[in-house]
Amino acid sequence: MKMIMLVFNEAMDEEVLEVLRHCRLGNYTRLNGVFGKGTTSGTHMGTEIWPGRNNSLFMAVPDEAVEPLLKCIRELRKTMGAEGIKAFTWNLESVT
């Protein structure tokens, strides 16, 4: 299994959830209104100077579901442009 963390501009919320539905992934942990700074997405701190916020999803995903999900995320990045979404993966050693 892999752990996938998606970090995305809150404006992309519906599009990201649609990707998960398309990939038949319904289980996740969600963090709303997270702040950060990215090279391509800019700074999101929820202030007048640095407006905007991000959301984040964490998903434990079977190995065979990882690449289809990442493919969909790559396509979403192409269509949404500067709005910003990143996917990070790492090995998941156990789930209890």
C-alpha atoms as a PDB file:
ATOM      1  CA  MET A   1       0.000   0.000   0.000  1.00  0.00           C
ATOM      2  CA  LYS A   2       0.934   3.623  -0.491  1.00  0.00           C
ATOM      3  CA  MET A   3      -0.007   6.788   1.325  1.00  0.00           C
ATOM      4  CA  ILE A   4      -0.971   9.565  -1.046  1.00  0.00           C
ATOM      5  CA  MET A   5      -1.184  13.160   0.093  1.00  0.00           C
ATOM      6  CA  LEU A   6      -2.907  15.644  -2.192  1.00  0.00           C
ATOM      7  CA  VAL A   7      -2.438  19.344  -1.532  1.00  0.00           C
ATOM      8  CA  PHE A   8      -4.579  21.617  -3.668  1.00  0.00           C
ATOM      9  CA  ASN A   9      -6.063  25.077  -3.898  1.00  0.00           C
ATOM     10  CA  GLU A  10      -9.443  25.122  -2.147  1.00  0.00           C
ATOM     11  CA  ALA A  11     -10.987  26.451  -5.367  1.00  0.00           C
ATOM     12  CA  MET A  12     -10.361  23.008  -6.924  1.00  0.00           C
ATOM     13  CA  ASP A  13     -12.312  21.102  -4.294  1.00  0.00           C
ATOM     14  CA  GLU A  14     -15.093  19.757  -6.526  1.00  0.00           C
ATOM     15  CA  GLU A  15     -12.701  18.804  -9.316  1.00  0.00           C
ATOM     16  CA  VAL A  16     -10.475  16.853  -6.910  1.00  0.00           C
ATOM     17  CA  LEU A  17     -13.443  15.001  -5.397  1.00  0.00           C
ATOM     18  CA  GLU A  18     -14.630  14.144  -8.912  1.00  0.00           C
ATOM     19  CA  VAL A  19     -11.220  12.617  -9.683  1.00  0.00           C
ATOM     20  CA  LEU A  20     -11.529  10.469  -6.546  1.00  0.00           C
ATOM     21  CA  ARG A  21     -15.014   9.318  -7.593  1.00  0.00           C
ATOM     22  CA  HIS A  22     -13.715   8.525 -11.080  1.00  0.00           C
ATOM     23  CA  CYS A  23     -10.883   6.445  -9.574  1.00  0.00           C
ATOM     24  CA  ARG A  24     -13.329   4.781  -7.146  1.00  0.00           C
ATOM     25  CA  LEU A  25     -11.469   6.030  -4.094  1.00  0.00           C
ATOM     26  CA  GLY A  26     -13.863   7.015  -1.355  1.00  0.00           C
ATOM     27  CA  ASN A  27     -11.784   6.800   1.813  1.00  0.00           C
ATOM     28  CA  TYR A  28      -9.626   9.721   2.845  1.00  0.00           C
ATOM     29  CA  THR A  29      -8.689  12.051   5.663  1.00  0.00           C
ATOM     30  CA  ARG A  30      -9.279  15.668   4.825  1.00  0.00           C
ATOM     31  CA  LEU A  31      -7.708  18.841   6.186  1.00  0.00           C
ATOM     32  CA  ASN A  32      -9.380  22.093   5.143  1.00  0.00           C
ATOM     33  CA  GLY A  33      -7.849  25.538   5.105  1.00  0.00           C
ATOM     34  CA  VAL A  34      -4.173  24.631   5.257  1.00  0.00           C
ATOM     35  CA  PHE A  35      -1.552  27.240   4.474  1.00  0.00           C
ATOM     36  CA  GLY A  36       1.613  26.973   2.451  1.00  0.00           C
ATOM     37  CA  LYS A  37       3.915  28.219  -0.261  1.00  0.00           C
ATOM     38  CA  GLY A  38       4.731  26.483  -3.513  1.00  0.00           C
ATOM     39  CA  THR A  39       7.088  27.258  -6.349  1.00  0.00           C
ATOM     40  CA  THR A  40       4.354  27.220  -8.987  1.00  0.00           C
ATOM     41  CA  SER A  41       1.223  27.780  -6.903  1.00  0.00           C
ATOM     42  CA  GLY A  42       2.438  30.761  -4.901  1.00  0.00           C
ATOM     43  CA  THR A  43       1.762  31.587  -1.265  1.00  0.00           C
ATOM     44  CA  HIS A  44      -1.582  30.795   0.368  1.00  0.00           C
ATOM     45  CA  MET A  45      -1.909  32.105   3.913  1.00  0.00           C
ATOM     46  CA  GLY A  46      -5.571  33.178   4.024  1.00  0.00           C
ATOM     47  CA  THR A  47      -4.686  36.852   4.530  1.00  0.00           C
ATOM     48  CA  GLU A  48      -5.243  40.010   2.515  1.00  0.00           C
ATOM     49  CA  ILE A  49      -1.585  40.022   1.499  1.00  0.00           C
ATOM     50  CA  TRP A  50      -1.417  36.274   0.757  1.00  0.00           C
ATOM     51  CA  PRO A  51      -5.033  35.276  -0.047  1.00  0.00           C
ATOM     52  CA  GLY A  52      -6.274  31.782  -0.620  1.00  0.00           C
ATOM     53  CA  ARG A  53      -5.990  28.525   1.238  1.00  0.00           C
ATOM     54  CA  ASN A  54      -5.264  24.927   0.398  1.00  0.00           C
ATOM     55  CA  ASN A  55      -6.989  21.700   1.295  1.00  0.00           C
ATOM     56  CA  SER A  56      -5.233  18.410   1.801  1.00  0.00           C
ATOM     57  CA  LEU A  57      -6.338  14.789   1.471  1.00  0.00           C
ATOM     58  CA  PHE A  58      -4.515  11.727   2.810  1.00  0.00           C
ATOM     59  CA  MET A  59      -5.407   8.333   1.346  1.00  0.00           C
ATOM     60  CA  ALA A  60      -4.174   4.806   2.000  1.00  0.00           C
ATOM     61  CA  VAL A  61      -4.295   3.305  -1.490  1.00  0.00           C
ATOM     62  CA  PRO A  62      -3.605  -0.213  -2.802  1.00  0.00           C
ATOM     63  CA  ASP A  63      -0.530  -0.326  -5.030  1.00  0.00           C
ATOM     64  CA  GLU A  64      -2.575  -1.057  -8.165  1.00  0.00           C
ATOM     65  CA  ALA A  65      -4.686   2.101  -7.643  1.00  0.00           C
ATOM     66  CA  VAL A  66      -1.752   4.506  -7.328  1.00  0.00           C
ATOM     67  CA  GLU A  67      -0.812   5.038 -10.963  1.00  0.00           C
ATOM     68  CA  PRO A  68      -4.396   5.486 -12.230  1.00  0.00           C
ATOM     69  CA  LEU A  69      -4.955   8.139  -9.563  1.00  0.00           C
ATOM     70  CA  LEU A  70      -1.680   9.920 -10.350  1.00  0.00           C
ATOM     71  CA  LYS A  71      -2.555   9.878 -14.050  1.00  0.00           C
ATOM     72  CA  CYS A  72      -5.868  11.606 -13.278  1.00  0.00           C
ATOM     73  CA  ILE A  73      -4.096  14.160 -11.075  1.00  0.00           C
ATOM     74  CA  ARG A  74      -1.631  14.921 -13.889  1.00  0.00           C
ATOM     75  CA  GLU A  75      -4.572  15.527 -16.245  1.00  0.00           C
ATOM     76  CA  LEU A  76      -6.246  17.764 -13.681  1.00  0.00           C
ATOM     77  CA  ARG A  77      -3.037  19.791 -13.366  1.00  0.00           C
ATOM     78  CA  LYS A  78      -3.062  20.332 -17.125  1.00  0.00           C
ATOM     79  CA  THR A  79      -6.656  21.554 -17.190  1.00  0.00           C
ATOM     80  CA  MET A  80      -6.631  23.658 -13.994  1.00  0.00           C
ATOM     81  CA  GLY A  81      -3.329  25.417 -14.674  1.00  0.00           C
ATOM     82  CA  ALA A  82      -2.175  27.839 -12.018  1.00  0.00           C
ATOM     83  CA  GLU A  83      -4.778  26.808  -9.430  1.00  0.00           C
ATOM     84  CA  GLY A  84      -2.339  24.212  -8.154  1.00  0.00           C
ATOM     85  CA  ILE A  85      -2.422  20.608  -7.051  1.00  0.00           C
ATOM     86  CA  LYS A  86       0.425  18.368  -5.938  1.00  0.00           C
ATOM     87  CA  ALA A  87       0.460  14.652  -5.152  1.00  0.00           C
ATOM     88  CA  PHE A  88       3.006  13.073  -2.836  1.00  0.00           C
ATOM     89  CA  THR A  89       3.357   9.321  -2.293  1.00  0.00           C
ATOM     90  CA  TRP A  90       5.240   7.168   0.162  1.00  0.00           C
ATOM     91  CA  ASN A  91       5.200   3.564   1.291  1.00  0.00           C
ATOM     92  CA  LEU A  92       2.649   2.705   3.938  1.00  0.00           C
ATOM     93  CA  GLU A  93       4.061   0.098   6.290  1.00  0.00           C
ATOM     94  CA  SER A  94       0.946  -0.759   8.284  1.00  0.00           C
ATOM     95  CA  VAL A  95      -2.701   0.058   8.857  1.00  0.00           C
ATOM     96  CA  THR A  96      -4.259  -0.867  12.194  1.00  0.00           C
END
